[in-house]
C-alpha cells in the first residue's frame, strides 16, 4: 500500500478502516480470545518509556515493511521495556491483528 496522501491523513485512515470493518468485521477473521489472556498491568507502571512496533507511517511510508512484530517486541522486552505499543491497523501502518498474537508466548511475554 502506498503512503496515504490526503489533506487529512486521519480522515483517510478512518474511511479505509470503516470500509475494511464493513467487509471483514471487527475481528478481521483473526482468532481473538473471548476473555483477556494477559493480566492488566498499570499503564506506565514500570517506567515512562513506550516502545512502538510499527512497519509503516501514513505520512512517511515504509519504515520496516518486513518487520516481525513479535520478534521486535521481544527485543524491546529483553532490553527492559515495560510498555509496548503494537500497531495492528493495516491502513497506513502495515499492521494486522494476527501479528501480535502470532507468537508472544514463544518469546516469553504476552502482548
Protein backbone atom coordinates (compact mmCIF):
# COMPACT_ATOMS: atom_id res chain seq x y z
CA UNK A 1 0.00 0.00 0.00
CA UNK A 2 1.37 3.42 -0.94
CA UNK A 3 1.58 6.11 1.75
CA UNK A 4 -1.74 7.79 2.34
CA UNK A 5 -1.73 11.16 0.60
CA UNK A 6 -4.62 13.27 1.78
CA UNK A 7 -5.22 16.66 3.24
CA UNK A 8 -6.26 14.96 6.44
CA UNK A 9 -4.49 11.62 6.89
CA UNK A 10 -6.62 10.68 9.88
CA UNK A 11 -9.85 11.03 7.91
CA UNK A 12 -8.43 8.89 5.10
CA UNK A 13 -7.38 6.15 7.56
CA UNK A 14 -10.79 6.26 9.26
CA UNK A 15 -12.57 5.90 5.91
CA UNK A 16 -10.34 2.97 4.91
CA UNK A 17 -10.83 1.34 8.31
CA UNK A 18 -14.63 1.68 8.14
CA UNK A 19 -14.66 0.06 4.72
CA UNK A 20 -12.43 -2.81 5.94
CA UNK A 21 -14.58 -3.44 9.04
CA UNK A 22 -17.75 -3.41 6.92
CA UNK A 23 -16.23 -6.14 4.71
CA UNK A 24 -14.40 -8.27 7.29
CA UNK A 25 -15.98 -7.46 10.66
CA UNK A 26 -14.18 -6.10 13.71
CA UNK A 27 -12.09 -9.24 14.20
CA UNK A 28 -10.98 -9.30 10.53
CA UNK A 29 -11.08 -13.09 10.70
CA UNK A 30 -8.37 -13.21 13.39
CA UNK A 31 -8.73 -15.53 16.37
CA UNK A 32 -9.47 -13.12 19.21
CA UNK A 33 -9.86 -14.72 22.65
CA UNK A 34 -13.25 -14.32 24.34
CA UNK A 35 -11.50 -13.27 27.55
CA UNK A 36 -8.24 -11.43 28.18
CA UNK A 37 -5.32 -13.87 28.41
CA UNK A 38 -2.72 -11.43 29.71
CA UNK A 39 -3.24 -9.71 33.05
CA UNK A 40 -3.94 -6.00 33.12
CA UNK A 41 -0.94 -4.01 34.27
CA UNK A 42 -0.82 -0.39 35.41
CA UNK A 43 -0.09 1.92 32.49
CA UNK A 44 3.48 3.17 32.67
CA UNK A 45 3.86 1.31 35.96
CA UNK A 46 7.47 0.21 35.37
CA UNK A 47 8.87 3.23 33.57
CA UNK A 48 7.73 6.06 31.35
CA UNK A 49 9.02 4.65 28.06
CA UNK A 50 6.62 3.18 25.50
CA UNK A 51 8.32 1.18 22.74
CA UNK A 52 6.40 1.15 19.47
CA UNK A 53 6.27 -1.64 16.90
CA UNK A 54 5.32 -0.05 13.58
CA UNK A 55 6.01 -1.12 9.98
CA UNK A 56 4.78 1.99 8.19
CA UNK A 57 3.88 5.60 8.77
CA UNK A 58 0.84 7.08 7.00
CA UNK A 59 2.77 10.24 6.21
CA UNK A 60 6.30 8.85 5.67
CA UNK A 61 5.65 5.44 4.08
CA UNK A 62 7.71 2.32 4.79
CA UNK A 63 9.77 2.20 7.99
CA UNK A 64 10.36 -1.56 8.32
CA UNK A 65 7.95 -3.34 5.94
CA UNK A 66 9.23 -6.85 6.70
CA UNK A 67 9.32 -6.35 10.46
CA UNK A 68 8.39 -9.37 12.61
CA UNK A 69 6.23 -7.65 15.24
CA UNK A 70 6.61 -10.42 17.83
CA UNK A 71 10.40 -10.62 17.44
CA UNK A 72 10.72 -6.81 17.68
CA UNK A 73 8.51 -6.70 20.77
CA UNK A 74 10.68 -9.44 22.28
CA UNK A 75 13.80 -7.35 21.70
CA UNK A 76 12.18 -4.43 23.48
CA UNK A 77 11.08 -6.58 26.43
CA UNK A 78 14.51 -8.19 26.82
CA UNK A 79 16.04 -4.71 26.77
CA UNK A 80 13.82 -3.73 29.70
CA UNK A 81 10.79 -2.11 28.09
CA UNK A 82 7.82 -2.14 30.40
CA UNK A 83 5.32 -0.82 27.86
CA UNK A 84 4.69 -1.78 24.23
CA UNK A 85 2.55 -0.28 21.52
CA UNK A 86 1.94 -2.67 18.61
CA UNK A 87 0.14 -1.02 15.71
CA UNK A 88 -2.31 -3.54 14.29
CA UNK A 89 -4.05 -1.22 11.82
CA UNK A 90 -3.31 -2.27 8.22
CA UNK A 91 -4.35 1.08 6.70
CA UNK A 92 -1.34 3.36 6.75
CA UNK A 93 0.61 1.34 9.35
CA UNK A 94 1.04 -2.11 7.75
CA UNK A 95 -0.12 -3.95 10.86
CA UNK A 96 -2.51 -6.84 11.40
CA UNK A 97 -4.47 -8.33 14.27
CA UNK A 98 -2.68 -11.65 13.81
CA UNK A 99 0.83 -10.19 14.21
CA UNK A 100 0.89 -9.57 17.97
CA UNK A 101 -0.94 -12.79 18.80
CA UNK A 102 1.25 -14.85 16.48
CA UNK A 103 3.90 -15.95 18.95
CA UNK A 104 4.31 -13.79 22.02
CA UNK A 105 4.25 -16.86 24.26
CA UNK A 106 7.15 -18.34 22.30
CA UNK A 107 9.10 -15.16 23.01
CA UNK A 108 8.29 -15.40 26.73
CA UNK A 109 5.87 -12.48 27.05
CA UNK A 110 2.26 -11.60 26.42
CA UNK A 111 1.01 -8.97 24.01
